[in-house]
């Protein structure tokens, strides 16, 4: 699902929202989440999951073309950990789809 798909879904579910309002709402939420992660805060959405920032320490890597050693600096990267409800929903839905595919293959 892309950002524009999310805007379309939001506009379709809430008839009182114009497409422009839905786009503004999605942009506002994503900007607020980005700003919180930049400031080093953790975001937790119950039933969905949590976002946090992980630190990757500096390390020595290799240039695959020349084989030369390269110093890779420390990085801070966003990390998503799905919540229990999301994990269970995805597992149940994929198991259901796999069962349907197995029936189709047998027929």
C-alpha atoms as a PDB file:
ATOM      1  CA  UNK A   1       0.000   0.000   0.000  1.00  0.00           C
ATOM      2  CA  UNK A   2       1.359   3.374  -0.985  1.00  0.00           C
ATOM      3  CA  UNK A   3       0.724   6.773   0.544  1.00  0.00           C
ATOM      4  CA  UNK A   4      -1.771   7.617  -2.206  1.00  0.00           C
ATOM      5  CA  UNK A   5      -3.572   4.286  -1.614  1.00  0.00           C
ATOM      6  CA  UNK A   6      -3.877   5.236   2.041  1.00  0.00           C
ATOM      7  CA  UNK A   7      -5.321   8.638   1.098  1.00  0.00           C
ATOM      8  CA  UNK A   8      -7.829   6.973  -1.263  1.00  0.00           C
ATOM      9  CA  UNK A   9      -8.891   4.477   1.428  1.00  0.00           C
ATOM     10  CA  UNK A  10      -9.364   7.228   4.013  1.00  0.00           C
ATOM     11  CA  UNK A  11     -11.392   9.379   1.605  1.00  0.00           C
ATOM     12  CA  UNK A  12     -13.542   6.380   0.631  1.00  0.00           C
ATOM     13  CA  UNK A  13     -14.295   5.363   4.231  1.00  0.00           C
ATOM     14  CA  UNK A  14     -15.187   8.854   5.398  1.00  0.00           C
ATOM     15  CA  UNK A  15     -17.491  10.525   2.889  1.00  0.00           C
ATOM     16  CA  UNK A  16     -17.351  13.838   4.777  1.00  0.00           C
ATOM     17  CA  UNK A  17     -13.609  14.111   4.013  1.00  0.00           C
ATOM     18  CA  UNK A  18     -12.566  15.533   0.687  1.00  0.00           C
ATOM     19  CA  UNK A  19      -9.602  13.986  -1.078  1.00  0.00           C
ATOM     20  CA  UNK A  20      -7.540  17.052  -0.129  1.00  0.00           C
ATOM     21  CA  UNK A  21      -8.516  16.721   3.570  1.00  0.00           C
ATOM     22  CA  UNK A  22      -7.632  13.013   3.577  1.00  0.00           C
ATOM     23  CA  UNK A  23      -4.279  13.795   1.966  1.00  0.00           C
ATOM     24  CA  UNK A  24      -3.615  16.490   4.596  1.00  0.00           C
ATOM     25  CA  UNK A  25      -4.551  14.092   7.433  1.00  0.00           C
ATOM     26  CA  UNK A  26      -2.199  11.364   6.173  1.00  0.00           C
ATOM     27  CA  UNK A  27       0.619  13.879   5.651  1.00  0.00           C
ATOM     28  CA  UNK A  28       0.125  15.320   9.145  1.00  0.00           C
ATOM     29  CA  UNK A  29       0.211  11.905  10.820  1.00  0.00           C
ATOM     30  CA  UNK A  30       3.291  10.724   8.910  1.00  0.00           C
ATOM     31  CA  UNK A  31       5.102  14.030   9.532  1.00  0.00           C
ATOM     32  CA  UNK A  32       4.334  13.822  13.269  1.00  0.00           C
ATOM     33  CA  UNK A  33       5.643  10.245  13.379  1.00  0.00           C
ATOM     34  CA  UNK A  34       8.799  11.216  11.478  1.00  0.00           C
ATOM     35  CA  UNK A  35       9.430  14.188  13.775  1.00  0.00           C
ATOM     36  CA  UNK A  36       8.998  12.019  16.884  1.00  0.00           C
ATOM     37  CA  UNK A  37      11.511   9.453  15.582  1.00  0.00           C
ATOM     38  CA  UNK A  38      13.985  12.199  14.637  1.00  0.00           C
ATOM     39  CA  UNK A  39      13.786  13.492  18.223  1.00  0.00           C
ATOM     40  CA  UNK A  40      14.520   9.947  19.441  1.00  0.00           C
ATOM     41  CA  UNK A  41      11.049   9.202  20.805  1.00  0.00           C
ATOM     42  CA  UNK A  42       9.304   5.853  20.600  1.00  0.00           C
ATOM     43  CA  UNK A  43       5.892   5.560  18.925  1.00  0.00           C
ATOM     44  CA  UNK A  44       3.484   2.897  20.153  1.00  0.00           C
ATOM     45  CA  UNK A  45       0.149   2.213  18.470  1.00  0.00           C
ATOM     46  CA  UNK A  46      -1.740  -0.424  20.463  1.00  0.00           C
ATOM     47  CA  UNK A  47      -2.757  -3.407  18.367  1.00  0.00           C
ATOM     48  CA  UNK A  48      -0.561  -2.302  15.460  1.00  0.00           C
ATOM     49  CA  UNK A  49       3.019  -2.045  16.670  1.00  0.00           C
ATOM     50  CA  UNK A  50       5.784   0.246  17.800  1.00  0.00           C
ATOM     51  CA  UNK A  51       8.383   2.320  16.031  1.00  0.00           C
ATOM     52  CA  UNK A  52      11.730   3.124  17.591  1.00  0.00           C
ATOM     53  CA  UNK A  53      15.204   4.219  16.558  1.00  0.00           C
ATOM     54  CA  UNK A  54      18.022   1.682  16.694  1.00  0.00           C
ATOM     55  CA  UNK A  55      21.714   2.555  16.721  1.00  0.00           C
ATOM     56  CA  UNK A  56      24.039   0.724  14.351  1.00  0.00           C
ATOM     57  CA  UNK A  57      27.631   1.017  15.589  1.00  0.00           C
ATOM     58  CA  UNK A  58      30.480   1.982  13.249  1.00  0.00           C
ATOM     59  CA  UNK A  59      32.114  -0.937  11.471  1.00  0.00           C
ATOM     60  CA  UNK A  60      34.547  -1.953   8.780  1.00  0.00           C
ATOM     61  CA  UNK A  61      32.999  -3.004   5.485  1.00  0.00           C
ATOM     62  CA  UNK A  62      34.351  -4.053   2.113  1.00  0.00           C
ATOM     63  CA  UNK A  63      33.970  -2.414  -1.254  1.00  0.00           C
ATOM     64  CA  UNK A  64      32.644  -5.315  -3.361  1.00  0.00           C
ATOM     65  CA  UNK A  65      34.207  -3.975  -6.545  1.00  0.00           C
ATOM     66  CA  UNK A  66      37.787  -3.487  -5.297  1.00  0.00           C
ATOM     67  CA  UNK A  67      37.818  -5.564  -2.086  1.00  0.00           C
ATOM     68  CA  UNK A  68      39.186  -2.532  -0.246  1.00  0.00           C
ATOM     69  CA  UNK A  69      38.254  -2.013   3.437  1.00  0.00           C
ATOM     70  CA  UNK A  70      35.871   0.883   4.033  1.00  0.00           C
ATOM     71  CA  UNK A  71      34.963   2.557   7.324  1.00  0.00           C
ATOM     72  CA  UNK A  72      31.156   2.645   7.727  1.00  0.00           C
ATOM     73  CA  UNK A  73      30.031   5.337  10.202  1.00  0.00           C
ATOM     74  CA  UNK A  74      27.496   4.935  13.007  1.00  0.00           C
ATOM     75  CA  UNK A  75      23.864   5.165  11.919  1.00  0.00           C
ATOM     76  CA  UNK A  76      20.516   5.567  13.587  1.00  0.00           C
ATOM     77  CA  UNK A  77      17.797   3.667  11.744  1.00  0.00           C
ATOM     78  CA  UNK A  78      14.032   3.372  12.281  1.00  0.00           C
ATOM     79  CA  UNK A  79      12.784  -0.005  13.496  1.00  0.00           C
ATOM     80  CA  UNK A  80       9.228  -1.380  13.489  1.00  0.00           C
ATOM     81  CA  UNK A  81       8.064  -4.134  15.806  1.00  0.00           C
ATOM     82  CA  UNK A  82       4.557  -5.410  15.007  1.00  0.00           C
ATOM     83  CA  UNK A  83       2.073  -5.771  17.860  1.00  0.00           C
ATOM     84  CA  UNK A  84       0.525  -9.069  18.864  1.00  0.00           C
ATOM     85  CA  UNK A  85      -2.859  -8.297  17.273  1.00  0.00           C
ATOM     86  CA  UNK A  86      -1.227  -7.407  13.933  1.00  0.00           C
ATOM     87  CA  UNK A  87       0.979 -10.521  13.957  1.00  0.00           C
ATOM     88  CA  UNK A  88      -2.000 -12.761  14.700  1.00  0.00           C
ATOM     89  CA  UNK A  89      -4.198 -11.087  12.062  1.00  0.00           C
ATOM     90  CA  UNK A  90      -1.516 -11.449   9.373  1.00  0.00           C
ATOM     91  CA  UNK A  91      -0.879 -15.069  10.353  1.00  0.00           C
ATOM     92  CA  UNK A  92      -4.576 -15.960  10.298  1.00  0.00           C
ATOM     93  CA  UNK A  93      -5.205 -14.236   6.960  1.00  0.00           C
ATOM     94  CA  UNK A  94      -2.174 -15.795   5.240  1.00  0.00           C
ATOM     95  CA  UNK A  95      -3.142 -19.249   6.558  1.00  0.00           C
ATOM     96  CA  UNK A  96      -6.645 -18.704   5.143  1.00  0.00           C
ATOM     97  CA  UNK A  97      -5.251 -17.639   1.746  1.00  0.00           C
ATOM     98  CA  UNK A  98      -2.850 -20.609   1.683  1.00  0.00           C
ATOM     99  CA  UNK A  99      -5.743 -22.980   2.354  1.00  0.00           C
ATOM    100  CA  UNK A 100      -7.734 -21.453  -0.530  1.00  0.00           C
ATOM    101  CA  UNK A 101      -4.742 -21.803  -2.880  1.00  0.00           C
ATOM    102  CA  UNK A 102      -4.300 -25.436  -1.873  1.00  0.00           C
ATOM    103  CA  UNK A 103      -7.977 -26.131  -2.715  1.00  0.00           C
ATOM    104  CA  UNK A 104      -7.595 -24.468  -6.113  1.00  0.00           C
ATOM    105  CA  UNK A 105      -4.479 -26.522  -6.912  1.00  0.00           C
ATOM    106  CA  UNK A 106      -6.264 -29.785  -6.045  1.00  0.00           C
ATOM    107  CA  UNK A 107      -9.240 -28.974  -8.277  1.00  0.00           C
END
